[in-house]
Amino acid sequence: MSSPAVIWQLSKDYFKRNNPIETLAKTMFETAYNLITFNSKMKLLKYKFMLAQQQLNNMEQFVGQNPYQVSKGSRFDRAY
């Protein structure tokens, strides 16, 4: 059997490499930060979604008005 000193040294080295208290504290702070910044992140995502939807609507409207000029490319690129 292993002596208690060897077991103590192995467990001490393990906790130096994988500190569960530090990991728990880091996780708690990250969770708190994510909860605090949730509203601002949601506002940004809503704005990006609205912008992409507006660009898609502009492209669909352009294609609906000029269906024969889409293949030229230059006017299609200017649609958004």
PDB file of N, CA and C in Angstrom:
ATOM      1  N   MET A   1       0.832  -1.189   0.000  1.00  0.00           N
ATOM      2  CA  MET A   1       0.000   0.000   0.000  1.00  0.00           C
ATOM      3  C   MET A   1       0.877   1.253   0.000  1.00  0.00           C
ATOM      4  N   SER A   2       0.283   2.316  -0.476  1.00  0.00           N
ATOM      5  CA  SER A   2       0.995   3.596  -0.500  1.00  0.00           C
ATOM      6  C   SER A   2       0.958   4.238   0.868  1.00  0.00           C
ATOM      7  N   SER A   3       1.986   4.917   1.151  1.00  0.00           N
ATOM      8  CA  SER A   3       2.037   5.586   2.436  1.00  0.00           C
ATOM      9  C   SER A   3       1.178   6.852   2.387  1.00  0.00           C
ATOM     10  N   PRO A   4       0.719   7.307   3.535  1.00  0.00           N
ATOM     11  CA  PRO A   4      -0.105   8.522   3.570  1.00  0.00           C
ATOM     12  C   PRO A   4       0.611   9.756   3.018  1.00  0.00           C
ATOM     13  N   ALA A   5       1.924   9.796   3.140  1.00  0.00           N
ATOM     14  CA  ALA A   5       2.667  10.954   2.625  1.00  0.00           C
ATOM     15  C   ALA A   5       2.606  11.016   1.105  1.00  0.00           C
ATOM     16  N   VAL A   6       2.672   9.845   0.465  1.00  0.00           N
ATOM     17  CA  VAL A   6       2.606   9.807  -0.997  1.00  0.00           C
ATOM     18  C   VAL A   6       1.214  10.205  -1.468  1.00  0.00           C
ATOM     19  N   ILE A   7       0.193   9.689  -0.797  1.00  0.00           N
ATOM     20  CA  ILE A   7      -1.191  10.036  -1.152  1.00  0.00           C
ATOM     21  C   ILE A   7      -1.419  11.535  -0.948  1.00  0.00           C
ATOM     22  N   TRP A   8      -0.899  12.062   0.165  1.00  0.00           N
ATOM     23  CA  TRP A   8      -1.045  13.498   0.435  1.00  0.00           C
ATOM     24  C   TRP A   8      -0.371  14.325  -0.663  1.00  0.00           C
ATOM     25  N   GLN A   9       0.822  13.921  -1.077  1.00  0.00           N
ATOM     26  CA  GLN A   9       1.556  14.653  -2.112  1.00  0.00           C
ATOM     27  C   GLN A   9       0.824  14.571  -3.455  1.00  0.00           C
ATOM     28  N   LEU A  10       0.296  13.390  -3.804  1.00  0.00           N
ATOM     29  CA  LEU A  10      -0.439  13.231  -5.056  1.00  0.00           C
ATOM     30  C   LEU A  10      -1.704  14.091  -5.076  1.00  0.00           C
ATOM     31  N   SER A  11      -2.447  14.088  -3.971  1.00  0.00           N
ATOM     32  CA  SER A  11      -3.669  14.889  -3.922  1.00  0.00           C
ATOM     33  C   SER A  11      -3.339  16.382  -3.936  1.00  0.00           C
ATOM     34  N   LYS A  12      -2.259  16.758  -3.285  1.00  0.00           N
ATOM     35  CA  LYS A  12      -1.838  18.159  -3.285  1.00  0.00           C
ATOM     36  C   LYS A  12      -1.461  18.609  -4.702  1.00  0.00           C
ATOM     37  N   ASP A  13      -0.706  17.749  -5.410  1.00  0.00           N
ATOM     38  CA  ASP A  13      -0.340  18.077  -6.790  1.00  0.00           C
ATOM     39  C   ASP A  13      -1.573  18.146  -7.703  1.00  0.00           C
ATOM     40  N   TYR A  14      -2.538  17.250  -7.479  1.00  0.00           N
ATOM     41  CA  TYR A  14      -3.762  17.272  -8.275  1.00  0.00           C
ATOM     42  C   TYR A  14      -4.503  18.596  -8.079  1.00  0.00           C
ATOM     43  N   PHE A  15      -4.644  19.038  -6.849  1.00  0.00           N
ATOM     44  CA  PHE A  15      -5.374  20.279  -6.594  1.00  0.00           C
ATOM     45  C   PHE A  15      -4.611  21.508  -7.067  1.00  0.00           C
ATOM     46  N   LYS A  16      -3.288  21.391  -7.204  1.00  0.00           N
ATOM     47  CA  LYS A  16      -2.531  22.495  -7.807  1.00  0.00           C
ATOM     48  C   LYS A  16      -2.846  22.608  -9.289  1.00  0.00           C
ATOM     49  N   ARG A  17      -2.961  21.452  -9.962  1.00  0.00           N
ATOM     50  CA  ARG A  17      -3.254  21.460 -11.402  1.00  0.00           C
ATOM     51  C   ARG A  17      -4.711  21.789 -11.675  1.00  0.00           C
ATOM     52  N   ASN A  18      -5.631  21.195 -10.917  1.00  0.00           N
ATOM     53  CA  ASN A  18      -7.063  21.365 -11.136  1.00  0.00           C
ATOM     54  C   ASN A  18      -7.691  21.932  -9.871  1.00  0.00           C
ATOM     55  N   ASN A  19      -7.689  23.242  -9.768  1.00  0.00           N
ATOM     56  CA  ASN A  19      -8.190  23.881  -8.566  1.00  0.00           C
ATOM     57  C   ASN A  19      -9.710  24.024  -8.668  1.00  0.00           C
ATOM     58  N   PRO A  20     -10.478  23.215  -7.934  1.00  0.00           N
ATOM     59  CA  PRO A  20     -11.933  23.277  -8.056  1.00  0.00           C
ATOM     60  C   PRO A  20     -12.529  24.576  -7.506  1.00  0.00           C
ATOM     61  N   ILE A  21     -11.903  25.164  -6.518  1.00  0.00           N
ATOM     62  CA  ILE A  21     -12.422  26.414  -5.947  1.00  0.00           C
ATOM     63  C   ILE A  21     -12.249  27.551  -6.948  1.00  0.00           C
ATOM     64  N   GLU A  22     -11.094  27.601  -7.602  1.00  0.00           N
ATOM     65  CA  GLU A  22     -10.860  28.631  -8.615  1.00  0.00           C
ATOM     66  C   GLU A  22     -11.806  28.456  -9.803  1.00  0.00           C
ATOM     67  N   THR A  23     -12.024  27.211 -10.221  1.00  0.00           N
ATOM     68  CA  THR A  23     -12.944  26.930 -11.323  1.00  0.00           C
ATOM     69  C   THR A  23     -14.362  27.349 -10.959  1.00  0.00           C
ATOM     70  N   LEU A  24     -14.786  27.048  -9.746  1.00  0.00           N
ATOM     71  CA  LEU A  24     -16.126  27.422  -9.291  1.00  0.00           C
ATOM     72  C   LEU A  24     -16.281  28.946  -9.257  1.00  0.00           C
ATOM     73  N   ALA A  25     -15.277  29.652  -8.743  1.00  0.00           N
ATOM     74  CA  ALA A  25     -15.344  31.110  -8.675  1.00  0.00           C
ATOM     75  C   ALA A  25     -15.387  31.718 -10.074  1.00  0.00           C
ATOM     76  N   LYS A  26     -14.562  31.195 -10.972  1.00  0.00           N
ATOM     77  CA  LYS A  26     -14.542  31.705 -12.344  1.00  0.00           C
ATOM     78  C   LYS A  26     -15.889  31.484 -13.025  1.00  0.00           C
ATOM     79  N   THR A  27     -16.475  30.320 -12.841  1.00  0.00           N
ATOM     80  CA  THR A  27     -17.774  30.014 -13.427  1.00  0.00           C
ATOM     81  C   THR A  27     -18.862  30.931 -12.877  1.00  0.00           C
ATOM     82  N   MET A  28     -18.818  31.190 -11.569  1.00  0.00           N
ATOM     83  CA  MET A  28     -19.824  32.062 -10.958  1.00  0.00           C
ATOM     84  C   MET A  28     -19.711  33.487 -11.505  1.00  0.00           C
ATOM     85  N   PHE A  29     -18.485  34.001 -11.643  1.00  0.00           N
ATOM     86  CA  PHE A  29     -18.307  35.352 -12.164  1.00  0.00           C
ATOM     87  C   PHE A  29     -18.732  35.447 -13.622  1.00  0.00           C
ATOM     88  N   GLU A  30     -18.419  34.428 -14.419  1.00  0.00           N
ATOM     89  CA  GLU A  30     -18.847  34.438 -15.823  1.00  0.00           C
ATOM     90  C   GLU A  30     -20.366  34.400 -15.940  1.00  0.00           C
ATOM     91  N   THR A  31     -21.014  33.609 -15.101  1.00  0.00           N
ATOM     92  CA  THR A  31     -22.470  33.534 -15.112  1.00  0.00           C
ATOM     93  C   THR A  31     -23.085  34.870 -14.713  1.00  0.00           C
ATOM     94  N   ALA A  32     -22.550  35.497 -13.684  1.00  0.00           N
ATOM     95  CA  ALA A  32     -23.064  36.797 -13.258  1.00  0.00           C
ATOM     96  C   ALA A  32     -22.870  37.835 -14.360  1.00  0.00           C
ATOM     97  N   TYR A  33     -21.712  37.823 -15.017  1.00  0.00           N
ATOM     98  CA  TYR A  33     -21.456  38.772 -16.112  1.00  0.00           C
ATOM     99  C   TYR A  33     -22.426  38.543 -17.267  1.00  0.00           C
ATOM    100  N   ASN A  34     -22.667  37.272 -17.609  1.00  0.00           N
ATOM    101  CA  ASN A  34     -23.605  36.980 -18.687  1.00  0.00           C
ATOM    102  C   ASN A  34     -25.023  37.420 -18.344  1.00  0.00           C
ATOM    103  N   LEU A  35     -25.420  37.266 -17.088  1.00  0.00           N
ATOM    104  CA  LEU A  35     -26.756  37.716 -16.686  1.00  0.00           C
ATOM    105  C   LEU A  35     -26.871  39.241 -16.723  1.00  0.00           C
ATOM    106  N   ILE A  36     -25.811  39.932 -16.341  1.00  0.00           N
ATOM    107  CA  ILE A  36     -25.838  41.399 -16.333  1.00  0.00           C
ATOM    108  C   ILE A  36     -25.883  41.946 -17.752  1.00  0.00           C
ATOM    109  N   THR A  37     -25.140  41.343 -18.661  1.00  0.00           N
ATOM    110  CA  THR A  37     -25.046  41.874 -20.032  1.00  0.00           C
ATOM    111  C   THR A  37     -26.064  41.244 -20.981  1.00  0.00           C
ATOM    112  N   PHE A  38     -27.001  40.482 -20.471  1.00  0.00           N
ATOM    113  CA  PHE A  38     -27.974  39.791 -21.321  1.00  0.00           C
ATOM    114  C   PHE A  38     -28.827  40.757 -22.134  1.00  0.00           C
ATOM    115  N   ASN A  39     -29.328  41.816 -21.495  1.00  0.00           N
ATOM    116  CA  ASN A  39     -30.221  42.755 -22.198  1.00  0.00           C
ATOM    117  C   ASN A  39     -29.505  43.470 -23.342  1.00  0.00           C
ATOM    118  N   SER A  40     -28.282  43.897 -23.124  1.00  0.00           N
ATOM    119  CA  SER A  40     -27.561  44.591 -24.192  1.00  0.00           C
ATOM    120  C   SER A  40     -27.251  43.639 -25.346  1.00  0.00           C
ATOM    121  N   LYS A  41     -26.937  42.388 -25.034  1.00  0.00           N
ATOM    122  CA  LYS A  41     -26.690  41.410 -26.099  1.00  0.00           C
ATOM    123  C   LYS A  41     -27.968  41.152 -26.889  1.00  0.00           C
ATOM    124  N   MET A  42     -29.097  41.086 -26.208  1.00  0.00           N
ATOM    125  CA  MET A  42     -30.362  40.854 -26.905  1.00  0.00           C
ATOM    126  C   MET A  42     -30.722  42.034 -27.806  1.00  0.00           C
ATOM    127  N   LYS A  43     -30.459  43.254 -27.350  1.00  0.00           N
ATOM    128  CA  LYS A  43     -30.725  44.433 -28.181  1.00  0.00           C
ATOM    129  C   LYS A  43     -29.886  44.395 -29.452  1.00  0.00           C
ATOM    130  N   LEU A  44     -28.619  44.027 -29.309  1.00  0.00           N
ATOM    131  CA  LEU A  44     -27.727  43.945 -30.466  1.00  0.00           C
ATOM    132  C   LEU A  44     -28.202  42.872 -31.440  1.00  0.00           C
ATOM    133  N   LEU A  45     -28.607  41.726 -30.932  1.00  0.00           N
ATOM    134  CA  LEU A  45     -29.090  40.657 -31.805  1.00  0.00           C
ATOM    135  C   LEU A  45     -30.379  41.062 -32.518  1.00  0.00           C
ATOM    136  N   LYS A  46     -31.281  41.756 -31.814  1.00  0.00           N
ATOM    137  CA  LYS A  46     -32.515  42.223 -32.448  1.00  0.00           C
ATOM    138  C   LYS A  46     -32.214  43.217 -33.556  1.00  0.00           C
ATOM    139  N   TYR A  47     -31.247  44.105 -33.321  1.00  0.00           N
ATOM    140  CA  TYR A  47     -30.875  45.085 -34.341  1.00  0.00           C
ATOM    141  C   TYR A  47     -30.274  44.391 -35.558  1.00  0.00           C
ATOM    142  N   LYS A  48     -29.379  43.427 -35.341  1.00  0.00           N
ATOM    143  CA  LYS A  48     -28.769  42.707 -36.464  1.00  0.00           C
ATOM    144  C   LYS A  48     -29.828  41.938 -37.252  1.00  0.00           C
ATOM    145  N   PHE A  49     -30.779  41.323 -36.564  1.00  0.00           N
ATOM    146  CA  PHE A  49     -31.842  40.588 -37.241  1.00  0.00           C
ATOM    147  C   PHE A  49     -32.713  41.536 -38.054  1.00  0.00           C
ATOM    148  N   MET A  50     -33.067  42.691 -37.471  1.00  0.00           N
ATOM    149  CA  MET A  50     -33.894  43.667 -38.175  1.00  0.00           C
ATOM    150  C   MET A  50     -33.171  44.178 -39.413  1.00  0.00           C
ATOM    151  N   LEU A  51     -31.869  44.430 -39.309  1.00  0.00           N
ATOM    152  CA  LEU A  51     -31.094  44.917 -40.440  1.00  0.00           C
ATOM    153  C   LEU A  51     -31.034  43.876 -41.561  1.00  0.00           C
ATOM    154  N   ALA A  52     -30.796  42.618 -41.209  1.00  0.00           N
ATOM    155  CA  ALA A  52     -30.755  41.553 -42.218  1.00  0.00           C
ATOM    156  C   ALA A  52     -32.115  41.372 -42.875  1.00  0.00           C
ATOM    157  N   GLN A  53     -33.171  41.489 -42.096  1.00  0.00           N
ATOM    158  CA  GLN A  53     -34.528  41.361 -42.639  1.00  0.00           C
ATOM    159  C   GLN A  53     -34.836  42.521 -43.592  1.00  0.00           C
ATOM    160  N   GLN A  54     -34.393  43.716 -43.245  1.00  0.00           N
ATOM    161  CA  GLN A  54     -34.604  44.873 -44.107  1.00  0.00           C
ATOM    162  C   GLN A  54     -33.832  44.716 -45.422  1.00  0.00           C
ATOM    163  N   GLN A  55     -32.604  44.230 -45.351  1.00  0.00           N
ATOM    164  CA  GLN A  55     -31.824  44.019 -46.568  1.00  0.00           C
ATOM    165  C   GLN A  55     -32.472  42.958 -47.455  1.00  0.00           C
ATOM    166  N   LEU A  56     -32.980  41.910 -46.844  1.00  0.00           N
ATOM    167  CA  LEU A  56     -33.663  40.874 -47.610  1.00  0.00           C
ATOM    168  C   LEU A  56     -34.920  41.425 -48.274  1.00  0.00           C
ATOM    169  N   ASN A  57     -35.671  42.232 -47.558  1.00  0.00           N
ATOM    170  CA  ASN A  57     -36.877  42.838 -48.137  1.00  0.00           C
ATOM    171  C   ASN A  57     -36.520  43.764 -49.295  1.00  0.00           C
ATOM    172  N   ASN A  58     -35.425  44.529 -49.144  1.00  0.00           N
ATOM    173  CA  ASN A  58     -34.994  45.409 -50.241  1.00  0.00           C
ATOM    174  C   ASN A  58     -34.600  44.602 -51.469  1.00  0.00           C
ATOM    175  N   MET A  59     -33.900  43.494 -51.269  1.00  0.00           N
ATOM    176  CA  MET A  59     -33.502  42.660 -52.399  1.00  0.00           C
ATOM    177  C   MET A  59     -34.716  42.040 -53.076  1.00  0.00           C
ATOM    178  N   GLU A  60     -35.666  41.553 -52.287  1.00  0.00           N
ATOM    179  CA  GLU A  60     -36.873  40.958 -52.869  1.00  0.00           C
ATOM    180  C   GLU A  60     -37.675  41.993 -53.637  1.00  0.00           C
ATOM    181  N   GLN A  61     -37.742  43.202 -53.100  1.00  0.00           N
ATOM    182  CA  GLN A  61     -38.475  44.266 -53.777  1.00  0.00           C
ATOM    183  C   GLN A  61     -37.787  44.633 -55.088  1.00  0.00           C
ATOM    184  N   PHE A  62     -36.461  44.687 -55.087  1.00  0.00           N
ATOM    185  CA  PHE A  62     -35.715  45.011 -56.295  1.00  0.00           C
ATOM    186  C   PHE A  62     -35.916  43.943 -57.361  1.00  0.00           C
ATOM    187  N   VAL A  63     -35.849  42.686 -56.960  1.00  0.00           N
ATOM    188  CA  VAL A  63     -36.032  41.589 -57.913  1.00  0.00           C
ATOM    189  C   VAL A  63     -37.464  41.591 -58.434  1.00  0.00           C
ATOM    190  N   GLY A  64     -38.410  41.921 -57.596  1.00  0.00           N
ATOM    191  CA  GLY A  64     -39.810  41.975 -58.028  1.00  0.00           C
ATOM    192  C   GLY A  64     -40.060  43.086 -59.032  1.00  0.00           C
ATOM    193  N   GLN A  65     -39.351  44.198 -58.908  1.00  0.00           N
ATOM    194  CA  GLN A  65     -39.555  45.321 -59.829  1.00  0.00           C
ATOM    195  C   GLN A  65     -38.815  45.112 -61.145  1.00  0.00           C
ATOM    196  N   ASN A  66     -37.606  44.580 -61.095  1.00  0.00           N
ATOM    197  CA  ASN A  66     -36.759  44.426 -62.277  1.00  0.00           C
ATOM    198  C   ASN A  66     -36.323  42.968 -62.431  1.00  0.00           C
ATOM    199  N   PRO A  67     -37.215  42.080 -62.833  1.00  0.00           N
ATOM    200  CA  PRO A  67     -36.813  40.665 -62.886  1.00  0.00           C
ATOM    201  C   PRO A  67     -35.815  40.362 -63.996  1.00  0.00           C
ATOM    202  N   TYR A  68     -35.705  41.200 -65.032  1.00  0.00           N
ATOM    203  CA  TYR A  68     -34.817  40.896 -66.159  1.00  0.00           C
ATOM    204  C   TYR A  68     -33.431  41.515 -66.000  1.00  0.00           C
ATOM    205  N   GLN A  69     -33.217  42.359 -64.992  1.00  0.00           N
ATOM    206  CA  GLN A  69     -31.915  42.988 -64.821  1.00  0.00           C
ATOM    207  C   GLN A  69     -31.100  42.344 -63.700  1.00  0.00           C
ATOM    208  N   VAL A  70     -31.568  41.269 -63.149  1.00  0.00           N
ATOM    209  CA  VAL A  70     -30.865  40.616 -62.050  1.00  0.00           C
ATOM    210  C   VAL A  70     -29.584  39.964 -62.551  1.00  0.00           C
ATOM    211  N   SER A  71     -29.590  39.451 -63.766  1.00  0.00           N
ATOM    212  CA  SER A  71     -28.443  38.698 -64.264  1.00  0.00           C
ATOM    213  C   SER A  71     -27.249  39.592 -64.589  1.00  0.00           C
ATOM    214  N   LYS A  72     -27.416  40.895 -64.691  1.00  0.00           N
ATOM    215  CA  LYS A  72     -26.298  41.776 -65.015  1.00  0.00           C
ATOM    216  C   LYS A  72     -25.314  41.879 -63.859  1.00  0.00           C
ATOM    217  N   GLY A  73     -25.796  41.817 -62.648  1.00  0.00           N
ATOM    218  CA  GLY A  73     -24.893  41.779 -61.503  1.00  0.00           C
ATOM    219  C   GLY A  73     -24.643  43.132 -60.873  1.00  0.00           C
ATOM    220  N   SER A  74     -24.342  44.158 -61.642  1.00  0.00           N
ATOM    221  CA  SER A  74     -23.988  45.437 -61.038  1.00  0.00           C
ATOM    222  C   SER A  74     -25.183  46.052 -60.323  1.00  0.00           C
ATOM    223  N   ARG A  75     -26.339  45.999 -60.904  1.00  0.00           N
ATOM    224  CA  ARG A  75     -27.517  46.578 -60.237  1.00  0.00           C
ATOM    225  C   ARG A  75     -27.943  45.683 -59.067  1.00  0.00           C
ATOM    226  N   PHE A  76     -27.761  44.390 -59.212  1.00  0.00           N
ATOM    227  CA  PHE A  76     -28.124  43.486 -58.113  1.00  0.00           C
ATOM    228  C   PHE A  76     -27.221  43.732 -56.902  1.00  0.00           C
ATOM    229  N   ASP A  77     -25.950  44.042 -57.151  1.00  0.00           N
ATOM    230  CA  ASP A  77     -25.041  44.338 -56.055  1.00  0.00           C
ATOM    231  C   ASP A  77     -25.407  45.624 -55.336  1.00  0.00           C
ATOM    232  N   ARG A  78     -25.986  46.558 -56.056  1.00  0.00           N
ATOM    233  CA  ARG A  78     -26.371  47.839 -55.455  1.00  0.00           C
ATOM    234  C   ARG A  78     -27.687  47.732 -54.696  1.00  0.00           C
ATOM    235  N   ALA A  79     -28.368  46.601 -54.747  1.00  0.00           N
ATOM    236  CA  ALA A  79     -29.670  46.481 -54.105  1.00  0.00           C
ATOM    237  C   ALA A  79     -29.560  46.487 -52.582  1.00  0.00           C
ATOM    238  N   TYR A  80     -28.417  46.109 -52.046  1.00  0.00           N
ATOM    239  CA  TYR A  80     -28.320  46.077 -50.574  1.00  0.00           C
ATOM    240  C   TYR A  80     -27.072  46.723 -50.071  1.00  0.00           C
TER     241      TYR A  80
END
